[in-house]
Amino acid sequence: YSEYGMQLNLLEKYNIPSNSVVNKDYKFLNGDICDFRSNNIQVINHYRGVSKTIKNGKTIYVSKIHINGYLKIGEYNTEIKAAIAYNKAVDILKKHVNINYRINYPEISPKEYAEIYSEINISNKIYKYCN
């Protein structure tokens, strides 16, 4: 699939991250995995490193990053906070580890993004991995 000179994965046409897993991150409503009509695809997890979960009857969003196995970044009450936490973990790891992860682009204003980014807490495991 090519758009404006960029080569993209077919899933990215539907704003589904390229490393997404069917029935975990997105699903085909009619069960046909070859039916890529937009009204047949339901996106469950919109951002890289973020998964939606139910814990004690409440919906939470768990953010993880893969470095020699998965490291849990944290649990957040909104999908956007979890996506920004993933981005923050990527920024921290880039300074210490040679990684090339794609980041998330939530549809919020730069000011909102900066506020959430500065206030968001991430797991100490990320900092320990850097040392």
C-alpha atoms as a PDB file:
ATOM      1  CA  TYR A   1       0.000   0.000   0.000  1.00  0.00           C
ATOM      2  CA  SER A   2       1.435   3.383  -0.970  1.00  0.00           C
ATOM      3  CA  GLU A   3       0.186   6.821  -0.013  1.00  0.00           C
ATOM      4  CA  TYR A   4       1.840  10.086  -1.052  1.00  0.00           C
ATOM      5  CA  GLY A   5       5.099   8.281  -1.792  1.00  0.00           C
ATOM      6  CA  MET A   6       5.185   6.496   1.589  1.00  0.00           C
ATOM      7  CA  GLN A   7       5.013   2.733   1.830  1.00  0.00           C
ATOM      8  CA  LEU A   8       2.620   1.664   4.556  1.00  0.00           C
ATOM      9  CA  ASN A   9       1.335  -1.569   5.967  1.00  0.00           C
ATOM     10  CA  LEU A  10      -2.307  -2.174   4.995  1.00  0.00           C
ATOM     11  CA  LEU A  11      -3.305  -1.967   8.668  1.00  0.00           C
ATOM     12  CA  GLU A  12      -1.800   1.523   8.957  1.00  0.00           C
ATOM     13  CA  LYS A  13      -4.339   2.704   6.393  1.00  0.00           C
ATOM     14  CA  TYR A  14      -6.924   2.126   9.142  1.00  0.00           C
ATOM     15  CA  ASN A  15      -4.762   3.736  11.882  1.00  0.00           C
ATOM     16  CA  ILE A  16      -3.845   0.337  13.308  1.00  0.00           C
ATOM     17  CA  PRO A  17      -0.162   0.114  14.385  1.00  0.00           C
ATOM     18  CA  SER A  18       1.819  -2.305  12.202  1.00  0.00           C
ATOM     19  CA  ASN A  19       2.713  -4.639  15.075  1.00  0.00           C
ATOM     20  CA  SER A  20      -0.923  -5.088  16.144  1.00  0.00           C
ATOM     21  CA  VAL A  21      -2.447  -8.515  16.746  1.00  0.00           C
ATOM     22  CA  VAL A  22      -5.832  -9.516  15.362  1.00  0.00           C
ATOM     23  CA  ASN A  23      -8.491 -10.077  18.059  1.00  0.00           C
ATOM     24  CA  LYS A  24      -6.286  -8.342  20.624  1.00  0.00           C
ATOM     25  CA  ASP A  25      -5.653  -4.912  19.094  1.00  0.00           C
ATOM     26  CA  TYR A  26      -8.290  -4.980  16.341  1.00  0.00           C
ATOM     27  CA  LYS A  27     -10.930  -7.358  15.093  1.00  0.00           C
ATOM     28  CA  PHE A  28     -12.974  -8.095  12.000  1.00  0.00           C
ATOM     29  CA  LEU A  29     -16.636  -7.706  12.922  1.00  0.00           C
ATOM     30  CA  ASN A  30     -17.899 -10.312  10.446  1.00  0.00           C
ATOM     31  CA  GLY A  31     -15.052 -12.750  11.207  1.00  0.00           C
ATOM     32  CA  ASP A  32     -13.584 -12.556   7.686  1.00  0.00           C
ATOM     33  CA  ILE A  33      -9.891 -11.611   8.048  1.00  0.00           C
ATOM     34  CA  CYS A  34      -9.714 -10.739   4.355  1.00  0.00           C
ATOM     35  CA  ASP A  35     -12.533  -8.185   4.506  1.00  0.00           C
ATOM     36  CA  PHE A  36     -10.741  -4.853   4.959  1.00  0.00           C
ATOM     37  CA  ARG A  37     -13.766  -2.623   4.518  1.00  0.00           C
ATOM     38  CA  SER A  38     -13.562   0.145   7.119  1.00  0.00           C
ATOM     39  CA  ASN A  39     -16.986  -0.691   8.544  1.00  0.00           C
ATOM     40  CA  ASN A  40     -15.790  -4.272   9.214  1.00  0.00           C
ATOM     41  CA  ILE A  41     -12.726  -3.317  11.284  1.00  0.00           C
ATOM     42  CA  GLN A  42     -13.006  -2.400  14.949  1.00  0.00           C
ATOM     43  CA  VAL A  43      -9.871  -0.991  16.557  1.00  0.00           C
ATOM     44  CA  ILE A  44      -9.534  -2.082  20.184  1.00  0.00           C
ATOM     45  CA  ASN A  45      -6.123  -0.619  21.042  1.00  0.00           C
ATOM     46  CA  HIS A  46      -5.325   2.587  19.159  1.00  0.00           C
ATOM     47  CA  TYR A  47      -1.741   3.179  20.287  1.00  0.00           C
ATOM     48  CA  ARG A  48       1.555   1.319  20.310  1.00  0.00           C
ATOM     49  CA  GLY A  49       2.411  -0.295  23.616  1.00  0.00           C
ATOM     50  CA  VAL A  50      -1.072   0.265  25.069  1.00  0.00           C
ATOM     51  CA  SER A  51      -3.679  -2.360  25.878  1.00  0.00           C
ATOM     52  CA  LYS A  52      -7.131  -1.995  27.358  1.00  0.00           C
ATOM     53  CA  THR A  53      -7.930  -4.188  30.355  1.00  0.00           C
ATOM     54  CA  ILE A  54     -10.574  -4.595  33.037  1.00  0.00           C
ATOM     55  CA  LYS A  55      -9.261  -4.616  36.626  1.00  0.00           C
ATOM     56  CA  ASN A  56     -11.592  -4.786  39.632  1.00  0.00           C
ATOM     57  CA  GLY A  57     -14.504  -3.884  37.359  1.00  0.00           C
ATOM     58  CA  LYS A  58     -12.808  -0.730  36.026  1.00  0.00           C
ATOM     59  CA  THR A  59     -11.325  -0.132  32.579  1.00  0.00           C
ATOM     60  CA  ILE A  60      -7.614   0.656  32.715  1.00  0.00           C
ATOM     61  CA  TYR A  61      -4.950   1.050  30.071  1.00  0.00           C
ATOM     62  CA  VAL A  62      -1.654  -0.774  30.538  1.00  0.00           C
ATOM     63  CA  SER A  63       1.426   0.597  28.842  1.00  0.00           C
ATOM     64  CA  LYS A  64       4.346  -1.756  28.041  1.00  0.00           C
ATOM     65  CA  ILE A  65       7.512  -1.589  25.977  1.00  0.00           C
ATOM     66  CA  HIS A  66       9.520  -4.466  24.561  1.00  0.00           C
ATOM     67  CA  ILE A  67      13.237  -4.576  25.393  1.00  0.00           C
ATOM     68  CA  ASN A  68      14.551  -8.114  25.843  1.00  0.00           C
ATOM     69  CA  GLY A  69      11.002  -8.956  26.964  1.00  0.00           C
ATOM     70  CA  TYR A  70       8.177  -6.664  27.982  1.00  0.00           C
ATOM     71  CA  LEU A  71       8.654  -4.009  30.655  1.00  0.00           C
ATOM     72  CA  LYS A  72       5.500  -2.584  32.183  1.00  0.00           C
ATOM     73  CA  ILE A  73       5.551   1.212  32.092  1.00  0.00           C
ATOM     74  CA  GLY A  74       2.394   1.651  34.152  1.00  0.00           C
ATOM     75  CA  GLU A  75      -1.387   1.561  34.410  1.00  0.00           C
ATOM     76  CA  TYR A  76      -3.417   4.635  33.475  1.00  0.00           C
ATOM     77  CA  ASN A  77      -7.058   5.683  33.528  1.00  0.00           C
ATOM     78  CA  THR A  78      -7.086   6.941  29.917  1.00  0.00           C
ATOM     79  CA  GLU A  79      -5.724   5.573  26.684  1.00  0.00           C
ATOM     80  CA  ILE A  80      -4.067   8.907  25.888  1.00  0.00           C
ATOM     81  CA  LYS A  81      -2.134   8.955  29.186  1.00  0.00           C
ATOM     82  CA  ALA A  82      -0.934   5.408  28.535  1.00  0.00           C
ATOM     83  CA  ALA A  83       0.177   6.386  25.012  1.00  0.00           C
ATOM     84  CA  ILE A  84       2.070   9.415  26.325  1.00  0.00           C
ATOM     85  CA  ALA A  85       3.684   7.263  29.044  1.00  0.00           C
ATOM     86  CA  TYR A  86       4.911   4.945  26.264  1.00  0.00           C
ATOM     87  CA  ASN A  87       6.362   7.957  24.431  1.00  0.00           C
ATOM     88  CA  LYS A  88       8.082   9.141  27.612  1.00  0.00           C
ATOM     89  CA  ALA A  89       9.615   5.689  28.148  1.00  0.00           C
ATOM     90  CA  VAL A  90      10.889   5.731  24.553  1.00  0.00           C
ATOM     91  CA  ASP A  91      12.449   9.176  25.110  1.00  0.00           C
ATOM     92  CA  ILE A  92      14.200   8.012  28.291  1.00  0.00           C
ATOM     93  CA  LEU A  93      15.463   4.799  26.717  1.00  0.00           C
ATOM     94  CA  LYS A  94      16.738   6.565  23.576  1.00  0.00           C
ATOM     95  CA  LYS A  95      19.289   8.408  25.721  1.00  0.00           C
ATOM     96  CA  HIS A  96      20.803   5.166  27.030  1.00  0.00           C
ATOM     97  CA  VAL A  97      19.967   2.389  24.596  1.00  0.00           C
ATOM     98  CA  ASN A  98      20.223   2.245  20.821  1.00  0.00           C
ATOM     99  CA  ILE A  99      16.527   1.830  20.008  1.00  0.00           C
ATOM    100  CA  ASN A 100      14.373   2.993  17.158  1.00  0.00           C
ATOM    101  CA  TYR A 101      10.762   2.836  18.348  1.00  0.00           C
ATOM    102  CA  ARG A 102       7.915   4.649  16.672  1.00  0.00           C
ATOM    103  CA  ILE A 103       5.989   6.912  19.013  1.00  0.00           C
ATOM    104  CA  ASN A 104       2.277   7.568  19.411  1.00  0.00           C
ATOM    105  CA  TYR A 105       0.552  10.705  18.154  1.00  0.00           C
ATOM    106  CA  PRO A 106      -2.568  11.313  20.237  1.00  0.00           C
ATOM    107  CA  GLU A 107      -4.954  13.887  18.826  1.00  0.00           C
ATOM    108  CA  ILE A 108      -4.637  16.524  21.540  1.00  0.00           C
ATOM    109  CA  SER A 109      -3.149  19.998  21.603  1.00  0.00           C
ATOM    110  CA  PRO A 110       0.604  20.424  22.165  1.00  0.00           C
ATOM    111  CA  LYS A 111      -0.142  22.175  25.452  1.00  0.00           C
ATOM    112  CA  GLU A 112      -2.257  19.257  26.728  1.00  0.00           C
ATOM    113  CA  TYR A 113       0.409  16.804  25.588  1.00  0.00           C
ATOM    114  CA  ALA A 114       3.157  18.718  27.430  1.00  0.00           C
ATOM    115  CA  GLU A 115       1.103  18.895  30.627  1.00  0.00           C
ATOM    116  CA  ILE A 116       0.358  15.171  30.628  1.00  0.00           C
ATOM    117  CA  TYR A 117       3.947  14.307  29.642  1.00  0.00           C
ATOM    118  CA  SER A 118       5.421  16.304  32.531  1.00  0.00           C
ATOM    119  CA  GLU A 119       2.953  14.942  35.111  1.00  0.00           C
ATOM    120  CA  ILE A 120       2.869  11.294  34.041  1.00  0.00           C
ATOM    121  CA  ASN A 121       4.712   8.766  36.191  1.00  0.00           C
ATOM    122  CA  ILE A 122       6.385   5.748  34.673  1.00  0.00           C
ATOM    123  CA  SER A 123       7.777   2.624  36.280  1.00  0.00           C
ATOM    124  CA  ASN A 124      11.186   2.735  37.949  1.00  0.00           C
ATOM    125  CA  LYS A 125      12.019  -0.389  35.899  1.00  0.00           C
ATOM    126  CA  ILE A 126      12.527   1.868  32.881  1.00  0.00           C
ATOM    127  CA  TYR A 127      15.062   4.017  34.765  1.00  0.00           C
ATOM    128  CA  LYS A 128      16.774   0.914  36.215  1.00  0.00           C
ATOM    129  CA  TYR A 129      17.097  -0.556  32.731  1.00  0.00           C
ATOM    130  CA  CYS A 130      19.055   2.530  31.683  1.00  0.00           C
ATOM    131  CA  ASN A 131      21.637   2.099  34.470  1.00  0.00           C
END
